[in-house]
Amino acid sequence: MALFFDAAWFDKRLASLGLVRTTVAIALGLSESEINEIWKDQRELSARDVAILANLLDATPEEIAERAGVSTPVPKAAAPADPSLKAIEERLTRVEAALEEILALLRAQN
């Protein structure tokens, strides 16, 4: 794990993707001066920031956290959607009802 924010790695990664720090500011909802604070290791990244940067920079959250410095949190993985049979049956019921409405409209037009 990096002891400090690895600005050179982040700049190189941005350049390889045709992005700039302004893109990071927009993605994180921060000002450019706040982004400069991050690059100077004067501002911490949150787990949310790490997740956004991972997506933006096509990297894993672990790699972003590692390159961002020792105290950067790694976001927890999102819980998978409920694959229960009940949830599937409820969704199927809604889809079938919508299909019946569409069919009724088509029949009424003929």
N, C-alpha and C. Protein backbone atom coordinates (compact mmCIF):
# COMPACT_ATOMS: atom_id res chain seq x y z
N MET A 1 0.84 -1.18 0.00
CA MET A 1 0.00 0.00 0.00
C MET A 1 0.88 1.24 0.00
N ALA A 2 0.48 2.19 -0.83
CA ALA A 2 1.22 3.45 -0.91
C ALA A 2 1.06 4.24 0.38
N LEU A 3 2.13 4.85 0.80
CA LEU A 3 2.09 5.67 2.00
C LEU A 3 1.40 7.00 1.72
N PHE A 4 1.59 7.52 0.50
CA PHE A 4 1.02 8.80 0.10
C PHE A 4 0.27 8.64 -1.21
N PHE A 5 -0.53 9.63 -1.57
CA PHE A 5 -1.26 9.64 -2.82
C PHE A 5 -0.27 9.60 -3.98
N ASP A 6 -0.42 8.64 -4.87
CA ASP A 6 0.49 8.44 -5.99
C ASP A 6 0.01 9.27 -7.19
N ALA A 7 0.30 10.57 -7.14
CA ALA A 7 -0.17 11.50 -8.17
C ALA A 7 0.34 11.11 -9.55
N ALA A 8 1.57 10.65 -9.64
CA ALA A 8 2.13 10.28 -10.95
C ALA A 8 1.34 9.13 -11.57
N TRP A 9 0.97 8.14 -10.76
CA TRP A 9 0.18 7.01 -11.29
C TRP A 9 -1.18 7.48 -11.77
N PHE A 10 -1.85 8.31 -10.97
CA PHE A 10 -3.18 8.81 -11.35
C PHE A 10 -3.10 9.66 -12.63
N ASP A 11 -2.09 10.54 -12.72
CA ASP A 11 -1.93 11.36 -13.93
C ASP A 11 -1.68 10.49 -15.16
N LYS A 12 -0.84 9.48 -15.00
CA LYS A 12 -0.54 8.58 -16.12
C LYS A 12 -1.79 7.81 -16.53
N ARG A 13 -2.56 7.35 -15.55
CA ARG A 13 -3.79 6.60 -15.84
C ARG A 13 -4.80 7.49 -16.57
N LEU A 14 -4.95 8.72 -16.08
CA LEU A 14 -5.86 9.67 -16.74
C LEU A 14 -5.43 9.90 -18.19
N ALA A 15 -4.15 10.15 -18.39
CA ALA A 15 -3.64 10.42 -19.74
C ALA A 15 -3.87 9.23 -20.67
N SER A 16 -3.67 8.03 -20.15
CA SER A 16 -3.84 6.84 -20.99
C SER A 16 -5.29 6.66 -21.44
N LEU A 17 -6.21 7.24 -20.69
CA LEU A 17 -7.64 7.14 -21.02
C LEU A 17 -8.16 8.40 -21.70
N GLY A 18 -7.26 9.35 -21.95
CA GLY A 18 -7.67 10.61 -22.59
C GLY A 18 -8.47 11.50 -21.67
N LEU A 19 -8.24 11.39 -20.36
CA LEU A 19 -8.96 12.17 -19.37
C LEU A 19 -8.03 13.17 -18.70
N VAL A 20 -8.61 14.12 -17.98
CA VAL A 20 -7.85 15.12 -17.24
C VAL A 20 -8.40 15.22 -15.82
N ARG A 21 -7.72 15.96 -15.00
CA ARG A 21 -8.17 16.11 -13.60
C ARG A 21 -9.56 16.75 -13.51
N THR A 22 -9.89 17.59 -14.47
CA THR A 22 -11.22 18.20 -14.48
C THR A 22 -12.29 17.12 -14.58
N THR A 23 -12.01 16.07 -15.33
CA THR A 23 -12.94 14.95 -15.44
C THR A 23 -13.16 14.31 -14.07
N VAL A 24 -12.10 14.18 -13.31
CA VAL A 24 -12.19 13.62 -11.96
C VAL A 24 -13.04 14.54 -11.09
N ALA A 25 -12.81 15.83 -11.19
CA ALA A 25 -13.59 16.80 -10.40
C ALA A 25 -15.07 16.66 -10.69
N ILE A 26 -15.42 16.57 -11.96
CA ILE A 26 -16.83 16.44 -12.34
C ILE A 26 -17.40 15.12 -11.81
N ALA A 27 -16.65 14.03 -12.00
CA ALA A 27 -17.13 12.71 -11.56
C ALA A 27 -17.34 12.66 -10.05
N LEU A 28 -16.47 13.30 -9.30
CA LEU A 28 -16.57 13.27 -7.84
C LEU A 28 -17.43 14.39 -7.28
N GLY A 29 -17.82 15.35 -8.13
CA GLY A 29 -18.61 16.47 -7.65
C GLY A 29 -17.81 17.41 -6.78
N LEU A 30 -16.53 17.56 -7.11
CA LEU A 30 -15.64 18.42 -6.34
C LEU A 30 -15.12 19.54 -7.23
N SER A 31 -14.58 20.57 -6.59
CA SER A 31 -13.96 21.66 -7.35
C SER A 31 -12.55 21.23 -7.76
N GLU A 32 -12.00 21.96 -8.71
CA GLU A 32 -10.64 21.64 -9.13
C GLU A 32 -9.64 21.88 -8.00
N SER A 33 -9.91 22.85 -7.14
CA SER A 33 -8.99 23.07 -6.01
C SER A 33 -9.06 21.91 -5.03
N GLU A 34 -10.25 21.32 -4.87
CA GLU A 34 -10.37 20.14 -4.00
C GLU A 34 -9.64 18.94 -4.61
N ILE A 35 -9.69 18.82 -5.94
CA ILE A 35 -8.95 17.75 -6.61
C ILE A 35 -7.45 17.97 -6.43
N ASN A 36 -7.01 19.21 -6.52
CA ASN A 36 -5.59 19.51 -6.30
C ASN A 36 -5.17 19.14 -4.89
N GLU A 37 -6.05 19.32 -3.92
CA GLU A 37 -5.75 18.91 -2.54
C GLU A 37 -5.57 17.39 -2.45
N ILE A 38 -6.39 16.65 -3.17
CA ILE A 38 -6.25 15.19 -3.19
C ILE A 38 -4.89 14.84 -3.79
N TRP A 39 -4.54 15.45 -4.92
CA TRP A 39 -3.28 15.14 -5.60
C TRP A 39 -2.08 15.51 -4.73
N LYS A 40 -2.24 16.51 -3.86
CA LYS A 40 -1.14 16.91 -2.97
C LYS A 40 -1.17 16.13 -1.65
N ASP A 41 -2.10 15.16 -1.57
CA ASP A 41 -2.26 14.34 -0.36
C ASP A 41 -2.68 15.18 0.84
N GLN A 42 -3.50 16.21 0.57
CA GLN A 42 -4.01 17.06 1.63
C GLN A 42 -5.50 16.84 1.87
N ARG A 43 -6.08 15.93 1.11
CA ARG A 43 -7.51 15.62 1.24
C ARG A 43 -7.67 14.13 1.03
N GLU A 44 -8.48 13.50 1.88
CA GLU A 44 -8.71 12.06 1.82
C GLU A 44 -9.81 11.73 0.82
N LEU A 45 -9.73 10.55 0.25
CA LEU A 45 -10.80 10.02 -0.58
C LEU A 45 -11.74 9.21 0.30
N SER A 46 -13.03 9.29 0.03
CA SER A 46 -14.00 8.46 0.73
C SER A 46 -14.15 7.14 -0.03
N ALA A 47 -14.83 6.19 0.57
CA ALA A 47 -15.11 4.92 -0.11
C ALA A 47 -15.92 5.19 -1.38
N ARG A 48 -16.83 6.15 -1.34
CA ARG A 48 -17.62 6.53 -2.53
C ARG A 48 -16.71 7.05 -3.62
N ASP A 49 -15.76 7.91 -3.25
CA ASP A 49 -14.80 8.46 -4.22
C ASP A 49 -13.99 7.34 -4.87
N VAL A 50 -13.57 6.39 -4.06
CA VAL A 50 -12.78 5.26 -4.56
C VAL A 50 -13.58 4.47 -5.58
N ALA A 51 -14.84 4.21 -5.28
CA ALA A 51 -15.70 3.45 -6.20
C ALA A 51 -15.87 4.21 -7.52
N ILE A 52 -16.08 5.50 -7.46
CA ILE A 52 -16.25 6.31 -8.67
C ILE A 52 -14.96 6.33 -9.48
N LEU A 53 -13.83 6.53 -8.81
CA LEU A 53 -12.55 6.55 -9.51
C LEU A 53 -12.23 5.20 -10.14
N ALA A 54 -12.57 4.13 -9.46
CA ALA A 54 -12.32 2.80 -10.01
C ALA A 54 -13.08 2.63 -11.32
N ASN A 55 -14.32 3.07 -11.33
CA ASN A 55 -15.12 2.98 -12.55
C ASN A 55 -14.57 3.91 -13.63
N LEU A 56 -14.24 5.11 -13.27
CA LEU A 56 -13.73 6.10 -14.22
C LEU A 56 -12.39 5.67 -14.83
N LEU A 57 -11.52 5.13 -13.99
CA LEU A 57 -10.16 4.81 -14.43
C LEU A 57 -9.99 3.34 -14.83
N ASP A 58 -11.09 2.61 -14.89
CA ASP A 58 -11.06 1.21 -15.28
C ASP A 58 -10.03 0.43 -14.46
N ALA A 59 -10.19 0.57 -13.15
CA ALA A 59 -9.30 -0.10 -12.20
C ALA A 59 -10.17 -0.70 -11.09
N THR A 60 -9.58 -1.54 -10.28
CA THR A 60 -10.33 -2.10 -9.15
C THR A 60 -10.34 -1.08 -8.01
N PRO A 61 -11.37 -1.12 -7.17
CA PRO A 61 -11.37 -0.24 -6.00
C PRO A 61 -10.13 -0.46 -5.12
N GLU A 62 -9.68 -1.71 -5.05
CA GLU A 62 -8.49 -2.01 -4.24
C GLU A 62 -7.26 -1.29 -4.79
N GLU A 63 -7.12 -1.28 -6.11
CA GLU A 63 -5.96 -0.60 -6.71
C GLU A 63 -6.03 0.91 -6.48
N ILE A 64 -7.22 1.48 -6.63
CA ILE A 64 -7.38 2.92 -6.39
C ILE A 64 -7.04 3.24 -4.94
N ALA A 65 -7.59 2.46 -4.00
CA ALA A 65 -7.32 2.70 -2.58
C ALA A 65 -5.84 2.56 -2.27
N GLU A 66 -5.21 1.55 -2.87
CA GLU A 66 -3.77 1.34 -2.63
C GLU A 66 -2.95 2.53 -3.14
N ARG A 67 -3.29 3.04 -4.32
CA ARG A 67 -2.55 4.15 -4.90
C ARG A 67 -2.88 5.49 -4.24
N ALA A 68 -4.00 5.55 -3.51
CA ALA A 68 -4.43 6.80 -2.89
C ALA A 68 -3.83 7.03 -1.51
N GLY A 69 -3.22 6.04 -0.92
CA GLY A 69 -2.58 6.23 0.37
C GLY A 69 -3.13 5.32 1.45
N VAL A 70 -2.45 5.28 2.58
CA VAL A 70 -2.71 4.28 3.61
C VAL A 70 -4.09 4.35 4.26
N SER A 71 -4.68 5.50 4.38
CA SER A 71 -5.95 5.58 5.11
C SER A 71 -7.18 5.57 4.21
N THR A 72 -7.00 5.30 2.92
CA THR A 72 -8.11 5.33 1.98
C THR A 72 -8.95 4.06 2.13
N PRO A 73 -10.27 4.21 2.35
CA PRO A 73 -11.12 3.03 2.52
C PRO A 73 -11.47 2.39 1.17
N VAL A 74 -11.59 1.07 1.19
CA VAL A 74 -12.05 0.34 0.02
C VAL A 74 -13.55 0.16 0.18
N PRO A 75 -14.33 0.51 -0.84
CA PRO A 75 -15.79 0.35 -0.70
C PRO A 75 -16.17 -1.12 -0.61
N LYS A 76 -17.22 -1.39 0.15
CA LYS A 76 -17.73 -2.75 0.25
C LYS A 76 -18.48 -3.08 -1.04
N ALA A 77 -18.41 -4.33 -1.43
CA ALA A 77 -19.13 -4.75 -2.65
C ALA A 77 -20.62 -4.62 -2.42
N ALA A 78 -21.32 -4.23 -3.46
CA ALA A 78 -22.77 -4.11 -3.38
C ALA A 78 -23.40 -5.48 -3.19
N ALA A 79 -24.43 -5.51 -2.40
CA ALA A 79 -25.14 -6.77 -2.20
C ALA A 79 -25.85 -7.17 -3.48
N PRO A 80 -25.81 -8.45 -3.81
CA PRO A 80 -26.50 -8.87 -5.03
C PRO A 80 -28.01 -8.70 -4.89
N ALA A 81 -28.66 -8.55 -6.02
CA ALA A 81 -30.12 -8.43 -6.02
C ALA A 81 -30.74 -9.69 -5.44
N ASP A 82 -31.95 -9.54 -4.90
CA ASP A 82 -32.64 -10.66 -4.28
C ASP A 82 -33.07 -11.67 -5.35
N PRO A 83 -32.42 -12.82 -5.40
CA PRO A 83 -32.77 -13.80 -6.44
C PRO A 83 -33.84 -14.79 -5.97
N SER A 84 -34.55 -14.44 -4.91
CA SER A 84 -35.51 -15.39 -4.35
C SER A 84 -36.63 -15.70 -5.33
N LEU A 85 -37.18 -16.86 -5.20
CA LEU A 85 -38.27 -17.29 -6.06
C LEU A 85 -39.47 -16.35 -5.93
N LYS A 86 -39.73 -15.88 -4.72
CA LYS A 86 -40.86 -14.96 -4.51
C LYS A 86 -40.68 -13.68 -5.32
N ALA A 87 -39.47 -13.10 -5.30
CA ALA A 87 -39.21 -11.87 -6.06
C ALA A 87 -39.37 -12.12 -7.55
N ILE A 88 -38.92 -13.26 -8.03
CA ILE A 88 -39.05 -13.59 -9.45
C ILE A 88 -40.52 -13.76 -9.83
N GLU A 89 -41.27 -14.44 -8.98
CA GLU A 89 -42.70 -14.65 -9.24
C GLU A 89 -43.46 -13.32 -9.27
N GLU A 90 -43.12 -12.43 -8.34
CA GLU A 90 -43.78 -11.12 -8.32
C GLU A 90 -43.48 -10.33 -9.59
N ARG A 91 -42.25 -10.39 -10.02
CA ARG A 91 -41.89 -9.67 -11.24
C ARG A 91 -42.59 -10.29 -12.45
N LEU A 92 -42.65 -11.60 -12.52
CA LEU A 92 -43.33 -12.28 -13.62
C LEU A 92 -44.81 -11.90 -13.66
N THR A 93 -45.43 -11.79 -12.50
CA THR A 93 -46.84 -11.39 -12.43
C THR A 93 -47.03 -9.99 -13.00
N ARG A 94 -46.11 -9.07 -12.67
CA ARG A 94 -46.20 -7.71 -13.21
C ARG A 94 -45.99 -7.70 -14.72
N VAL A 95 -45.05 -8.49 -15.21
CA VAL A 95 -44.78 -8.56 -16.65
C VAL A 95 -45.98 -9.13 -17.38
N GLU A 96 -46.58 -10.18 -16.84
CA GLU A 96 -47.75 -10.78 -17.48
C GLU A 96 -48.92 -9.81 -17.50
N ALA A 97 -49.12 -9.04 -16.44
CA ALA A 97 -50.21 -8.06 -16.41
C ALA A 97 -49.98 -6.97 -17.46
N ALA A 98 -48.75 -6.52 -17.59
CA ALA A 98 -48.43 -5.51 -18.59
C ALA A 98 -48.64 -6.06 -20.00
N LEU A 99 -48.28 -7.29 -20.21
CA LEU A 99 -48.48 -7.92 -21.51
C LEU A 99 -49.96 -8.03 -21.85
N GLU A 100 -50.77 -8.37 -20.88
CA GLU A 100 -52.22 -8.45 -21.10
C GLU A 100 -52.79 -7.09 -21.48
N GLU A 101 -52.30 -6.03 -20.84
CA GLU A 101 -52.76 -4.68 -21.18
C GLU A 101 -52.38 -4.31 -22.61
N ILE A 102 -51.17 -4.67 -23.01
CA ILE A 102 -50.71 -4.39 -24.38
C ILE A 102 -51.57 -5.16 -25.38
N LEU A 103 -51.80 -6.44 -25.09
CA LEU A 103 -52.62 -7.26 -25.99
C LEU A 103 -54.05 -6.70 -26.11
N ALA A 104 -54.61 -6.26 -25.01
CA ALA A 104 -55.96 -5.68 -25.03
C ALA A 104 -56.00 -4.42 -25.89
N LEU A 105 -54.98 -3.59 -25.80
CA LEU A 105 -54.89 -2.39 -26.63
C LEU A 105 -54.79 -2.75 -28.10
N LEU A 106 -54.01 -3.76 -28.42
CA LEU A 106 -53.87 -4.19 -29.81
C LEU A 106 -55.18 -4.75 -30.36
N ARG A 107 -55.86 -5.52 -29.54
CA ARG A 107 -57.16 -6.09 -29.96
C ARG A 107 -58.18 -4.97 -30.20
N ALA A 108 -58.13 -3.94 -29.36
CA ALA A 108 -59.10 -2.83 -29.49
C ALA A 108 -58.84 -2.04 -30.77
N GLN A 109 -57.62 -2.01 -31.26
CA GLN A 109 -57.31 -1.28 -32.49
C GLN A 109 -57.78 -2.02 -33.74
N ASN A 110 -57.97 -3.32 -33.65
CA ASN A 110 -58.38 -4.11 -34.83
C ASN A 110 -59.83 -4.18 -34.97
